[in-house]
Amino acid sequence: MEFLLHVLVTAGLLLLVAHWVKGFAIQSGKIALWSALVLGLANGIVKPVLVFFTLPLTVITLGLFLIVINAAMLKLAAAIVKGFDIKGFRPALLGSVLLTLLNLAVSAVFGI
């Protein structure tokens, strides 16, 4: 149940990010739901492997490289889901930071 709620919240936040970040586009709410689901799966399966292999770089950059990994997960989700487009790495990076901050705010306010 908690995973479903997180997917719904992430879908809404993806739609917000799409309005605020140029080069970040989602065609519909249905696409946002699929994108949130794929992003959740990518974060659960692919991200831990990437974090493991880039651990020295993450340590050297004091954890800032994790932002790049989050942007890569967004690009991966956009590559998989038709109708979710990110044009370039800069919008993915900005969208990743914004999505992270919005998720933190929602978690702090609602305890999700």
PDB file of N, CA and C in Angstrom:
ATOM      1  N   MET A   1       0.823  -1.191   0.000  1.00  0.00           N
ATOM      2  CA  MET A   1       0.000   0.000   0.000  1.00  0.00           C
ATOM      3  C   MET A   1       0.868   1.256   0.000  1.00  0.00           C
ATOM      4  N   GLU A   2       1.937   1.226   0.810  1.00  0.00           N
ATOM      5  CA  GLU A   2       2.826   2.377   0.888  1.00  0.00           C
ATOM      6  C   GLU A   2       3.524   2.625  -0.453  1.00  0.00           C
ATOM      7  N   PHE A   3       3.911   1.545  -1.152  1.00  0.00           N
ATOM      8  CA  PHE A   3       4.553   1.693  -2.457  1.00  0.00           C
ATOM      9  C   PHE A   3       3.607   2.356  -3.451  1.00  0.00           C
ATOM     10  N   LEU A   4       2.342   1.940  -3.439  1.00  0.00           N
ATOM     11  CA  LEU A   4       1.351   2.531  -4.336  1.00  0.00           C
ATOM     12  C   LEU A   4       1.161   4.016  -4.052  1.00  0.00           C
ATOM     13  N   LEU A   5       1.103   4.370  -2.789  1.00  0.00           N
ATOM     14  CA  LEU A   5       0.976   5.775  -2.415  1.00  0.00           C
ATOM     15  C   LEU A   5       2.195   6.575  -2.866  1.00  0.00           C
ATOM     16  N   HIS A   6       3.372   5.981  -2.704  1.00  0.00           N
ATOM     17  CA  HIS A   6       4.593   6.657  -3.140  1.00  0.00           C
ATOM     18  C   HIS A   6       4.610   6.845  -4.658  1.00  0.00           C
ATOM     19  N   VAL A   7       4.136   5.859  -5.403  1.00  0.00           N
ATOM     20  CA  VAL A   7       4.066   5.968  -6.865  1.00  0.00           C
ATOM     21  C   VAL A   7       3.099   7.084  -7.264  1.00  0.00           C
ATOM     22  N   LEU A   8       1.957   7.170  -6.595  1.00  0.00           N
ATOM     23  CA  LEU A   8       0.986   8.222  -6.897  1.00  0.00           C
ATOM     24  C   LEU A   8       1.546   9.607  -6.600  1.00  0.00           C
ATOM     25  N   VAL A   9       2.216   9.749  -5.469  1.00  0.00           N
ATOM     26  CA  VAL A   9       2.817  11.038  -5.109  1.00  0.00           C
ATOM     27  C   VAL A   9       3.913  11.400  -6.102  1.00  0.00           C
ATOM     28  N   THR A  10       4.756  10.438  -6.449  1.00  0.00           N
ATOM     29  CA  THR A  10       5.835  10.690  -7.405  1.00  0.00           C
ATOM     30  C   THR A  10       5.282  11.070  -8.766  1.00  0.00           C
ATOM     31  N   ALA A  11       4.190  10.456  -9.183  1.00  0.00           N
ATOM     32  CA  ALA A  11       3.570  10.810 -10.465  1.00  0.00           C
ATOM     33  C   ALA A  11       3.117  12.269 -10.459  1.00  0.00           C
ATOM     34  N   GLY A  12       2.477  12.682  -9.373  1.00  0.00           N
ATOM     35  CA  GLY A  12       2.064  14.079  -9.265  1.00  0.00           C
ATOM     36  C   GLY A  12       3.247  15.022  -9.265  1.00  0.00           C
ATOM     37  N   LEU A  13       4.297  14.645  -8.559  1.00  0.00           N
ATOM     38  CA  LEU A  13       5.493  15.489  -8.518  1.00  0.00           C
ATOM     39  C   LEU A  13       6.200  15.534  -9.868  1.00  0.00           C
ATOM     40  N   LEU A  14       6.174  14.435 -10.597  1.00  0.00           N
ATOM     41  CA  LEU A  14       6.741  14.440 -11.950  1.00  0.00           C
ATOM     42  C   LEU A  14       5.995  15.419 -12.852  1.00  0.00           C
ATOM     43  N   LEU A  15       4.670  15.476 -12.703  1.00  0.00           N
ATOM     44  CA  LEU A  15       3.891  16.438 -13.486  1.00  0.00           C
ATOM     45  C   LEU A  15       4.260  17.873 -13.113  1.00  0.00           C
ATOM     46  N   LEU A  16       4.483  18.129 -11.819  1.00  0.00           N
ATOM     47  CA  LEU A  16       4.917  19.463 -11.389  1.00  0.00           C
ATOM     48  C   LEU A  16       6.277  19.809 -11.967  1.00  0.00           C
ATOM     49  N   VAL A  17       7.203  18.878 -11.875  1.00  0.00           N
ATOM     50  CA  VAL A  17       8.549  19.107 -12.403  1.00  0.00           C
ATOM     51  C   VAL A  17       8.496  19.365 -13.904  1.00  0.00           C
ATOM     52  N   ALA A  18       7.618  18.656 -14.600  1.00  0.00           N
ATOM     53  CA  ALA A  18       7.490  18.853 -16.046  1.00  0.00           C
ATOM     54  C   ALA A  18       7.030  20.267 -16.387  1.00  0.00           C
ATOM     55  N   HIS A  19       6.229  20.874 -15.508  1.00  0.00           N
ATOM     56  CA  HIS A  19       5.792  22.252 -15.745  1.00  0.00           C
ATOM     57  C   HIS A  19       6.893  23.256 -15.456  1.00  0.00           C
ATOM     58  N   TRP A  20       7.784  22.932 -14.539  1.00  0.00           N
ATOM     59  CA  TRP A  20       8.793  23.886 -14.091  1.00  0.00           C
ATOM     60  C   TRP A  20      10.117  23.786 -14.828  1.00  0.00           C
ATOM     61  N   VAL A  21      10.462  22.627 -15.359  1.00  0.00           N
ATOM     62  CA  VAL A  21      11.769  22.423 -15.981  1.00  0.00           C
ATOM     63  C   VAL A  21      11.614  22.326 -17.496  1.00  0.00           C
ATOM     64  N   LYS A  22      12.276  23.229 -18.193  1.00  0.00           N
ATOM     65  CA  LYS A  22      12.247  23.205 -19.653  1.00  0.00           C
ATOM     66  C   LYS A  22      13.073  22.002 -20.139  1.00  0.00           C
ATOM     67  N   GLY A  23      12.515  21.259 -21.093  1.00  0.00           N
ATOM     68  CA  GLY A  23      13.177  20.068 -21.607  1.00  0.00           C
ATOM     69  C   GLY A  23      12.745  18.791 -20.905  1.00  0.00           C
ATOM     70  N   PHE A  24      11.810  18.918 -19.976  1.00  0.00           N
ATOM     71  CA  PHE A  24      11.293  17.796 -19.189  1.00  0.00           C
ATOM     72  C   PHE A  24       9.808  17.734 -19.506  1.00  0.00           C
ATOM     73  N   ALA A  25       9.356  16.692 -20.204  1.00  0.00           N
ATOM     74  CA  ALA A  25       7.966  16.666 -20.659  1.00  0.00           C
ATOM     75  C   ALA A  25       7.304  15.319 -20.380  1.00  0.00           C
ATOM     76  N   ILE A  26       6.072  15.408 -19.886  1.00  0.00           N
ATOM     77  CA  ILE A  26       5.232  14.228 -19.679  1.00  0.00           C
ATOM     78  C   ILE A  26       3.899  14.528 -20.343  1.00  0.00           C
ATOM     79  N   GLN A  27       3.437  13.637 -21.203  1.00  0.00           N
ATOM     80  CA  GLN A  27       2.246  13.908 -22.006  1.00  0.00           C
ATOM     81  C   GLN A  27       0.935  13.842 -21.237  1.00  0.00           C
ATOM     82  N   SER A  28       0.837  12.990 -20.226  1.00  0.00           N
ATOM     83  CA  SER A  28      -0.444  12.850 -19.527  1.00  0.00           C
ATOM     84  C   SER A  28      -0.233  12.290 -18.131  1.00  0.00           C
ATOM     85  N   GLY A  29      -1.316  12.264 -17.378  1.00  0.00           N
ATOM     86  CA  GLY A  29      -1.266  11.692 -16.038  1.00  0.00           C
ATOM     87  C   GLY A  29      -0.992  10.200 -16.058  1.00  0.00           C
ATOM     88  N   LYS A  30      -1.544   9.512 -17.051  1.00  0.00           N
ATOM     89  CA  LYS A  30      -1.305   8.074 -17.191  1.00  0.00           C
ATOM     90  C   LYS A  30       0.178   7.802 -17.449  1.00  0.00           C
ATOM     91  N   ILE A  31       0.786   8.621 -18.296  1.00  0.00           N
ATOM     92  CA  ILE A  31       2.220   8.493 -18.572  1.00  0.00           C
ATOM     93  C   ILE A  31       3.013   8.785 -17.303  1.00  0.00           C
ATOM     94  N   ALA A  32       2.559   9.755 -16.506  1.00  0.00           N
ATOM     95  CA  ALA A  32       3.237  10.089 -15.249  1.00  0.00           C
ATOM     96  C   ALA A  32       3.187   8.903 -14.291  1.00  0.00           C
ATOM     97  N   LEU A  33       2.060   8.203 -14.240  1.00  0.00           N
ATOM     98  CA  LEU A  33       1.955   7.017 -13.379  1.00  0.00           C
ATOM     99  C   LEU A  33       2.922   5.921 -13.813  1.00  0.00           C
ATOM    100  N   TRP A  34       2.957   5.654 -15.110  1.00  0.00           N
ATOM    101  CA  TRP A  34       3.886   4.648 -15.623  1.00  0.00           C
ATOM    102  C   TRP A  34       5.325   5.064 -15.368  1.00  0.00           C
ATOM    103  N   SER A  35       5.611   6.352 -15.559  1.00  0.00           N
ATOM    104  CA  SER A  35       6.967   6.858 -15.335  1.00  0.00           C
ATOM    105  C   SER A  35       7.368   6.709 -13.879  1.00  0.00           C
ATOM    106  N   ALA A  36       6.459   7.016 -12.971  1.00  0.00           N
ATOM    107  CA  ALA A  36       6.747   6.879 -11.544  1.00  0.00           C
ATOM    108  C   ALA A  36       6.993   5.413 -11.177  1.00  0.00           C
ATOM    109  N   LEU A  37       6.218   4.519 -11.758  1.00  0.00           N
ATOM    110  CA  LEU A  37       6.398   3.092 -11.501  1.00  0.00           C
ATOM    111  C   LEU A  37       7.755   2.609 -12.016  1.00  0.00           C
ATOM    112  N   VAL A  38       8.093   2.983 -13.245  1.00  0.00           N
ATOM    113  CA  VAL A  38       9.384   2.588 -13.826  1.00  0.00           C
ATOM    114  C   VAL A  38      10.529   3.215 -13.042  1.00  0.00           C
ATOM    115  N   LEU A  39      10.367   4.469 -12.634  1.00  0.00           N
ATOM    116  CA  LEU A  39      11.394   5.136 -11.836  1.00  0.00           C
ATOM    117  C   LEU A  39      11.587   4.426 -10.499  1.00  0.00           C
ATOM    118  N   GLY A  40      10.501   4.024  -9.876  1.00  0.00           N
ATOM    119  CA  GLY A  40      10.597   3.281  -8.621  1.00  0.00           C
ATOM    120  C   GLY A  40      11.316   1.951  -8.790  1.00  0.00           C
ATOM    121  N   LEU A  41      11.008   1.254  -9.862  1.00  0.00           N
ATOM    122  CA  LEU A  41      11.684  -0.017 -10.128  1.00  0.00           C
ATOM    123  C   LEU A  41      13.161   0.192 -10.445  1.00  0.00           C
ATOM    124  N   ALA A  42      13.462   1.229 -11.229  1.00  0.00           N
ATOM    125  CA  ALA A  42      14.860   1.537 -11.547  1.00  0.00           C
ATOM    126  C   ALA A  42      15.628   1.909 -10.285  1.00  0.00           C
ATOM    127  N   ASN A  43      15.000   2.686  -9.418  1.00  0.00           N
ATOM    128  CA  ASN A  43      15.655   3.063  -8.164  1.00  0.00           C
ATOM    129  C   ASN A  43      15.856   1.864  -7.245  1.00  0.00           C
ATOM    130  N   GLY A  44      15.007   0.875  -7.360  1.00  0.00           N
ATOM    131  CA  GLY A  44      15.119  -0.307  -6.516  1.00  0.00           C
ATOM    132  C   GLY A  44      16.066  -1.364  -7.049  1.00  0.00           C
ATOM    133  N   ILE A  45      16.215  -1.433  -8.378  1.00  0.00           N
ATOM    134  CA  ILE A  45      17.011  -2.500  -8.984  1.00  0.00           C
ATOM    135  C   ILE A  45      18.343  -1.993  -9.546  1.00  0.00           C
ATOM    136  N   VAL A  46      18.303  -0.963 -10.383  1.00  0.00           N
ATOM    137  CA  VAL A  46      19.500  -0.499 -11.087  1.00  0.00           C
ATOM    138  C   VAL A  46      20.351   0.426 -10.217  1.00  0.00           C
ATOM    139  N   LYS A  47      19.712   1.306  -9.476  1.00  0.00           N
ATOM    140  CA  LYS A  47      20.444   2.308  -8.707  1.00  0.00           C
ATOM    141  C   LYS A  47      21.417   1.697  -7.692  1.00  0.00           C
ATOM    142  N   PRO A  48      21.030   0.663  -6.933  1.00  0.00           N
ATOM    143  CA  PRO A  48      22.003   0.095  -5.991  1.00  0.00           C
ATOM    144  C   PRO A  48      23.270  -0.440  -6.676  1.00  0.00           C
ATOM    145  N   VAL A  49      23.103  -0.994  -7.864  1.00  0.00           N
ATOM    146  CA  VAL A  49      24.265  -1.500  -8.608  1.00  0.00           C
ATOM    147  C   VAL A  49      25.162  -0.331  -9.022  1.00  0.00           C
ATOM    148  N   LEU A  50      24.561   0.740  -9.535  1.00  0.00           N
ATOM    149  CA  LEU A  50      25.339   1.917  -9.925  1.00  0.00           C
ATOM    150  C   LEU A  50      26.037   2.551  -8.727  1.00  0.00           C
ATOM    151  N   VAL A  51      25.339   2.630  -7.617  1.00  0.00           N
ATOM    152  CA  VAL A  51      25.939   3.208  -6.410  1.00  0.00           C
ATOM    153  C   VAL A  51      27.139   2.377  -5.965  1.00  0.00           C
ATOM    154  N   PHE A  52      27.012   1.061  -6.035  1.00  0.00           N
ATOM    155  CA  PHE A  52      28.120   0.186  -5.648  1.00  0.00           C
ATOM    156  C   PHE A  52      29.346   0.410  -6.532  1.00  0.00           C
ATOM    157  N   PHE A  53      29.129   0.447  -7.855  1.00  0.00           N
ATOM    158  CA  PHE A  53      30.260   0.577  -8.762  1.00  0.00           C
ATOM    159  C   PHE A  53      30.862   1.980  -8.789  1.00  0.00           C
ATOM    160  N   THR A  54      30.112   2.966  -8.374  1.00  0.00           N
ATOM    161  CA  THR A  54      30.636   4.337  -8.364  1.00  0.00           C
ATOM    162  C   THR A  54      30.956   4.822  -6.949  1.00  0.00           C
ATOM    163  N   LEU A  55      31.042   3.894  -6.019  1.00  0.00           N
ATOM    164  CA  LEU A  55      31.288   4.268  -4.631  1.00  0.00           C
ATOM    165  C   LEU A  55      32.552   5.109  -4.430  1.00  0.00           C
ATOM    166  N   PRO A  56      33.683   4.777  -5.064  1.00  0.00           N
ATOM    167  CA  PRO A  56      34.861   5.642  -4.882  1.00  0.00           C
ATOM    168  C   PRO A  56      34.617   7.082  -5.361  1.00  0.00           C
ATOM    169  N   LEU A  57      33.946   7.236  -6.485  1.00  0.00           N
ATOM    170  CA  LEU A  57      33.648   8.567  -6.999  1.00  0.00           C
ATOM    171  C   LEU A  57      32.665   9.299  -6.080  1.00  0.00           C
ATOM    172  N   THR A  58      31.726   8.568  -5.545  1.00  0.00           N
ATOM    173  CA  THR A  58      30.758   9.157  -4.615  1.00  0.00           C
ATOM    174  C   THR A  58      31.459   9.637  -3.343  1.00  0.00           C
ATOM    175  N   VAL A  59      32.395   8.866  -2.853  1.00  0.00           N
ATOM    176  CA  VAL A  59      33.141   9.252  -1.654  1.00  0.00           C
ATOM    177  C   VAL A  59      34.002  10.478  -1.935  1.00  0.00           C
ATOM    178  N   ILE A  60      34.680  10.493  -3.073  1.00  0.00           N
ATOM    179  CA  ILE A  60      35.542  11.628  -3.438  1.00  0.00           C
ATOM    180  C   ILE A  60      34.734  12.917  -3.548  1.00  0.00           C
ATOM    181  N   THR A  61      33.521  12.826  -4.092  1.00  0.00           N
ATOM    182  CA  THR A  61      32.685  14.022  -4.266  1.00  0.00           C
ATOM    183  C   THR A  61      31.789  14.284  -3.060  1.00  0.00           C
ATOM    184  N   LEU A  62      32.044  13.572  -1.968  1.00  0.00           N
ATOM    185  CA  LEU A  62      31.269  13.721  -0.733  1.00  0.00           C
ATOM    186  C   LEU A  62      29.771  13.489  -0.943  1.00  0.00           C
ATOM    187  N   GLY A  63      29.443  12.551  -1.794  1.00  0.00           N
ATOM    188  CA  GLY A  63      28.059  12.167  -2.016  1.00  0.00           C
ATOM    189  C   GLY A  63      27.347  12.912  -3.135  1.00  0.00           C
ATOM    190  N   LEU A  64      27.974  13.938  -3.681  1.00  0.00           N
ATOM    191  CA  LEU A  64      27.310  14.722  -4.726  1.00  0.00           C
ATOM    192  C   LEU A  64      27.096  13.933  -6.019  1.00  0.00           C
ATOM    193  N   PHE A  65      27.901  12.903  -6.236  1.00  0.00           N
ATOM    194  CA  PHE A  65      27.717  12.098  -7.446  1.00  0.00           C
ATOM    195  C   PHE A  65      26.382  11.360  -7.439  1.00  0.00           C
ATOM    196  N   LEU A  66      25.772  11.196  -6.270  1.00  0.00           N
ATOM    197  CA  LEU A  66      24.458  10.555  -6.198  1.00  0.00           C
ATOM    198  C   LEU A  66      23.400  11.355  -6.959  1.00  0.00           C
ATOM    199  N   ILE A  67      23.590  12.665  -7.068  1.00  0.00           N
ATOM    200  CA  ILE A  67      22.671  13.495  -7.862  1.00  0.00           C
ATOM    201  C   ILE A  67      22.748  13.091  -9.330  1.00  0.00           C
ATOM    202  N   VAL A  68      23.956  12.812  -9.794  1.00  0.00           N
ATOM    203  CA  VAL A  68      24.150  12.376 -11.179  1.00  0.00           C
ATOM    204  C   VAL A  68      23.488  11.014 -11.390  1.00  0.00           C
ATOM    205  N   ILE A  69      23.613  10.130 -10.412  1.00  0.00           N
ATOM    206  CA  ILE A  69      22.976   8.814 -10.519  1.00  0.00           C
ATOM    207  C   ILE A  69      21.454   8.961 -10.547  1.00  0.00           C
ATOM    208  N   ASN A  70      20.903   9.859  -9.724  1.00  0.00           N
ATOM    209  CA  ASN A  70      19.454  10.104  -9.751  1.00  0.00           C
ATOM    210  C   ASN A  70      19.015  10.632 -11.109  1.00  0.00           C
ATOM    211  N   ALA A  71      19.809  11.517 -11.701  1.00  0.00           N
ATOM    212  CA  ALA A  71      19.487  12.032 -13.030  1.00  0.00           C
ATOM    213  C   ALA A  71      19.536  10.909 -14.066  1.00  0.00           C
ATOM    214  N   ALA A  72      20.483  10.012 -13.919  1.00  0.00           N
ATOM    215  CA  ALA A  72      20.575   8.867 -14.839  1.00  0.00           C
ATOM    216  C   ALA A  72      19.355   7.961 -14.710  1.00  0.00           C
ATOM    217  N   MET A  73      18.833   7.802 -13.493  1.00  0.00           N
ATOM    218  CA  MET A  73      17.627   6.994 -13.298  1.00  0.00           C
ATOM    219  C   MET A  73      16.425   7.655 -13.976  1.00  0.00           C
ATOM    220  N   LEU A  74      16.355   8.979 -13.908  1.00  0.00           N
ATOM    221  CA  LEU A  74      15.280   9.690 -14.609  1.00  0.00           C
ATOM    222  C   LEU A  74      15.405   9.498 -16.121  1.00  0.00           C
ATOM    223  N   LYS A  75      16.631   9.615 -16.639  1.00  0.00           N
ATOM    224  CA  LYS A  75      16.847   9.412 -18.074  1.00  0.00           C
ATOM    225  C   LYS A  75      16.493   7.979 -18.481  1.00  0.00           C
ATOM    226  N   LEU A  76      16.807   7.017 -17.636  1.00  0.00           N
ATOM    227  CA  LEU A  76      16.465   5.621 -17.921  1.00  0.00           C
ATOM    228  C   LEU A  76      14.955   5.445 -17.987  1.00  0.00           C
ATOM    229  N   ALA A  77      14.246   6.016 -17.019  1.00  0.00           N
ATOM    230  CA  ALA A  77      12.780   5.925 -17.025  1.00  0.00           C
ATOM    231  C   ALA A  77      12.211   6.597 -18.269  1.00  0.00           C
ATOM    232  N   ALA A  78      12.783   7.733 -18.658  1.00  0.00           N
ATOM    233  CA  ALA A  78      12.311   8.435 -19.858  1.00  0.00           C
ATOM    234  C   ALA A  78      12.593   7.621 -21.119  1.00  0.00           C
ATOM    235  N   ALA A  79      13.683   6.865 -21.115  1.00  0.00           N
ATOM    236  CA  ALA A  79      13.996   6.031 -22.278  1.00  0.00           C
ATOM    237  C   ALA A  79      13.046   4.847 -22.390  1.00  0.00           C
ATOM    238  N   ILE A  80      12.530   4.383 -21.275  1.00  0.00           N
ATOM    239  CA  ILE A  80      11.652   3.216 -21.271  1.00  0.00           C
ATOM    240  C   ILE A  80      10.206   3.594 -21.549  1.00  0.00           C
ATOM    241  N   VAL A  81       9.731   4.685 -20.958  1.00  0.00           N
ATOM    242  CA  VAL A  81       8.320   5.067 -21.050  1.00  0.00           C
ATOM    243  C   VAL A  81       8.112   6.020 -22.222  1.00  0.00           C
ATOM    244  N   LYS A  82       7.294   5.586 -23.163  1.00  0.00           N
ATOM    245  CA  LYS A  82       6.961   6.440 -24.304  1.00  0.00           C
ATOM    246  C   LYS A  82       6.014   7.552 -23.828  1.00  0.00           C
ATOM    247  N   GLY A  83       6.347   8.791 -24.174  1.00  0.00           N
ATOM    248  CA  GLY A  83       5.544   9.924 -23.733  1.00  0.00           C
ATOM    249  C   GLY A  83       6.181  10.684 -22.580  1.00  0.00           C
ATOM    250  N   PHE A  84       7.271  10.151 -22.056  1.00  0.00           N
ATOM    251  CA  PHE A  84       8.062  10.821 -21.024  1.00  0.00           C
ATOM    252  C   PHE A  84       9.402  11.152 -21.656  1.00  0.00           C
ATOM    253  N   ASP A  85       9.645  12.434 -21.879  1.00  0.00           N
ATOM    254  CA  ASP A  85      10.851  12.862 -22.592  1.00  0.00           C
ATOM    255  C   ASP A  85      11.662  13.834 -21.757  1.00  0.00           C
ATOM    256  N   ILE A  86      12.960  13.600 -21.735  1.00  0.00           N
ATOM    257  CA  ILE A  86      13.902  14.529 -21.123  1.00  0.00           C
ATOM    258  C   ILE A  86      14.945  14.829 -22.188  1.00  0.00           C
ATOM    259  N   LYS A  87      14.994  16.079 -22.598  1.00  0.00           N
ATOM    260  CA  LYS A  87      15.892  16.483 -23.675  1.00  0.00           C
ATOM    261  C   LYS A  87      17.217  16.989 -23.094  1.00  0.00           C
ATOM    262  N   GLY A  88      18.164  16.078 -22.930  1.00  0.00           N
ATOM    263  CA  GLY A  88      19.479  16.444 -22.430  1.00  0.00           C
ATOM    264  C   GLY A  88      19.687  16.066 -20.978  1.00  0.00           C
ATOM    265  N   PHE A  89      20.966  16.182 -20.567  1.00  0.00           N
ATOM    266  CA  PHE A  89      21.299  15.798 -19.212  1.00  0.00           C
ATOM    267  C   PHE A  89      21.002  16.910 -18.218  1.00  0.00           C
ATOM    268  N   ARG A  90      21.093  18.154 -18.655  1.00  0.00           N
ATOM    269  CA  ARG A  90      20.840  19.275 -17.748  1.00  0.00           C
ATOM    270  C   ARG A  90      19.404  19.272 -17.203  1.00  0.00           C
ATOM    271  N   PRO A  91      18.384  19.112 -18.063  1.00  0.00           N
ATOM    272  CA  PRO A  91      17.027  19.008 -17.517  1.00  0.00           C
ATOM    273  C   PRO A  91      16.854  17.799 -16.597  1.00  0.00           C
ATOM    274  N   ALA A  92      17.548  16.702 -16.900  1.00  0.00           N
ATOM    275  CA  ALA A  92      17.470  15.520 -16.036  1.00  0.00           C
ATOM    276  C   ALA A  92      18.088  15.825 -14.674  1.00  0.00           C
ATOM    277  N   LEU A  93      19.203  16.538 -14.669  1.00  0.00           N
ATOM    278  CA  LEU A  93      19.864  16.892 -13.418  1.00  0.00           C
ATOM    279  C   LEU A  93      19.005  17.846 -12.591  1.00  0.00           C
ATOM    280  N   LEU A  94      18.485  18.879 -13.244  1.00  0.00           N
ATOM    281  CA  LEU A  94      17.630  19.839 -12.550  1.00  0.00           C
ATOM    282  C   LEU A  94      16.340  19.168 -12.074  1.00  0.00           C
ATOM    283  N   GLY A  95      15.747  18.335 -12.924  1.00  0.00           N
ATOM    284  CA  GLY A  95      14.537  17.607 -12.556  1.00  0.00           C
ATOM    285  C   GLY A  95      14.778  16.660 -11.401  1.00  0.00           C
ATOM    286  N   SER A  96      15.946  16.027 -11.383  1.00  0.00           N
ATOM    287  CA  SER A  96      16.300  15.121 -10.293  1.00  0.00           C
ATOM    288  C   SER A  96      16.400  15.855  -8.966  1.00  0.00           C
ATOM    289  N   VAL A  97      17.068  16.991  -8.969  1.00  0.00           N
ATOM    290  CA  VAL A  97      17.212  17.769  -7.737  1.00  0.00           C
ATOM    291  C   VAL A  97      15.845  18.256  -7.264  1.00  0.00           C
ATOM    292  N   LEU A  98      15.054  18.780  -8.195  1.00  0.00           N
ATOM    293  CA  LEU A  98      13.732  19.289  -7.847  1.00  0.00           C
ATOM    294  C   LEU A  98      12.818  18.180  -7.339  1.00  0.00           C
ATOM    295  N   LEU A  99      12.834  17.035  -7.997  1.00  0.00           N
ATOM    296  CA  LEU A  99      12.013  15.903  -7.574  1.00  0.00           C
ATOM    297  C   LEU A  99      12.425  15.421  -6.180  1.00  0.00           C
ATOM    298  N   THR A 100      13.712  15.386  -5.914  1.00  0.00           N
ATOM    299  CA  THR A 100      14.202  14.982  -4.599  1.00  0.00           C
ATOM    300  C   THR A 100      13.735  15.950  -3.517  1.00  0.00           C
ATOM    301  N   LEU A 101      13.869  17.245  -3.790  1.00  0.00           N
ATOM    302  CA  LEU A 101      13.445  18.249  -2.813  1.00  0.00           C
ATOM    303  C   LEU A 101      11.937  18.199  -2.573  1.00  0.00           C
ATOM    304  N   LEU A 102      11.171  18.032  -3.639  1.00  0.00           N
ATOM    305  CA  LEU A 102       9.720  17.945  -3.488  1.00  0.00           C
ATOM    306  C   LEU A 102       9.311  16.685  -2.719  1.00  0.00           C
ATOM    307  N   ASN A 103       9.986  15.571  -2.995  1.00  0.00           N
ATOM    308  CA  ASN A 103       9.709  14.330  -2.254  1.00  0.00           C
ATOM    309  C   ASN A 103      10.021  14.498  -0.774  1.00  0.00           C
ATOM    310  N   LEU A 104      11.120  15.174  -0.478  1.00  0.00           N
ATOM    311  CA  LEU A 104      11.466  15.437   0.918  1.00  0.00           C
ATOM    312  C   LEU A 104      10.408  16.313   1.592  1.00  0.00           C
ATOM    313  N   ALA A 105       9.937  17.329   0.874  1.00  0.00           N
ATOM    314  CA  ALA A 105       8.924  18.227   1.437  1.00  0.00           C
ATOM    315  C   ALA A 105       7.622  17.475   1.690  1.00  0.00           C
ATOM    316  N   VAL A 106       7.194  16.671   0.741  1.00  0.00           N
ATOM    317  CA  VAL A 106       5.955  15.899   0.915  1.00  0.00           C
ATOM    318  C   VAL A 106       6.103  14.920   2.074  1.00  0.00           C
ATOM    319  N   SER A 107       7.254  14.278   2.173  1.00  0.00           N
ATOM    320  CA  SER A 107       7.492  13.337   3.273  1.00  0.00           C
ATOM    321  C   SER A 107       7.480  14.046   4.620  1.00  0.00           C
ATOM    322  N   ALA A 108       8.053  15.241   4.670  1.00  0.00           N
ATOM    323  CA  ALA A 108       8.087  15.990   5.935  1.00  0.00           C
ATOM    324  C   ALA A 108       6.695  16.460   6.345  1.00  0.00           C
ATOM    325  N   VAL A 109       5.907  16.904   5.377  1.00  0.00           N
ATOM    326  CA  VAL A 109       4.590  17.447   5.691  1.00  0.00           C
ATOM    327  C   VAL A 109       3.584  16.334   5.997  1.00  0.00           C
ATOM    328  N   PHE A 110       3.578  15.292   5.186  1.00  0.00           N
ATOM    329  CA  PHE A 110       2.549  14.261   5.318  1.00  0.00           C
ATOM    330  C   PHE A 110       3.051  12.972   5.978  1.00  0.00           C
ATOM    331  N   GLY A 111       4.349  12.862   6.187  1.00  0.00           N
ATOM    332  CA  GLY A 111       4.890  11.675   6.826  1.00  0.00           C
ATOM    333  C   GLY A 111       4.834  10.433   5.963  1.00  0.00           C
ATOM    334  N   ILE A 112       4.878  10.632   4.651  1.00  0.00           N
ATOM    335  CA  ILE A 112       4.818   9.487   3.730  1.00  0.00           C
ATOM    336  C   ILE A 112       6.197   8.887   3.590  1.00  0.00           C
TER     337      ILE A 112
END
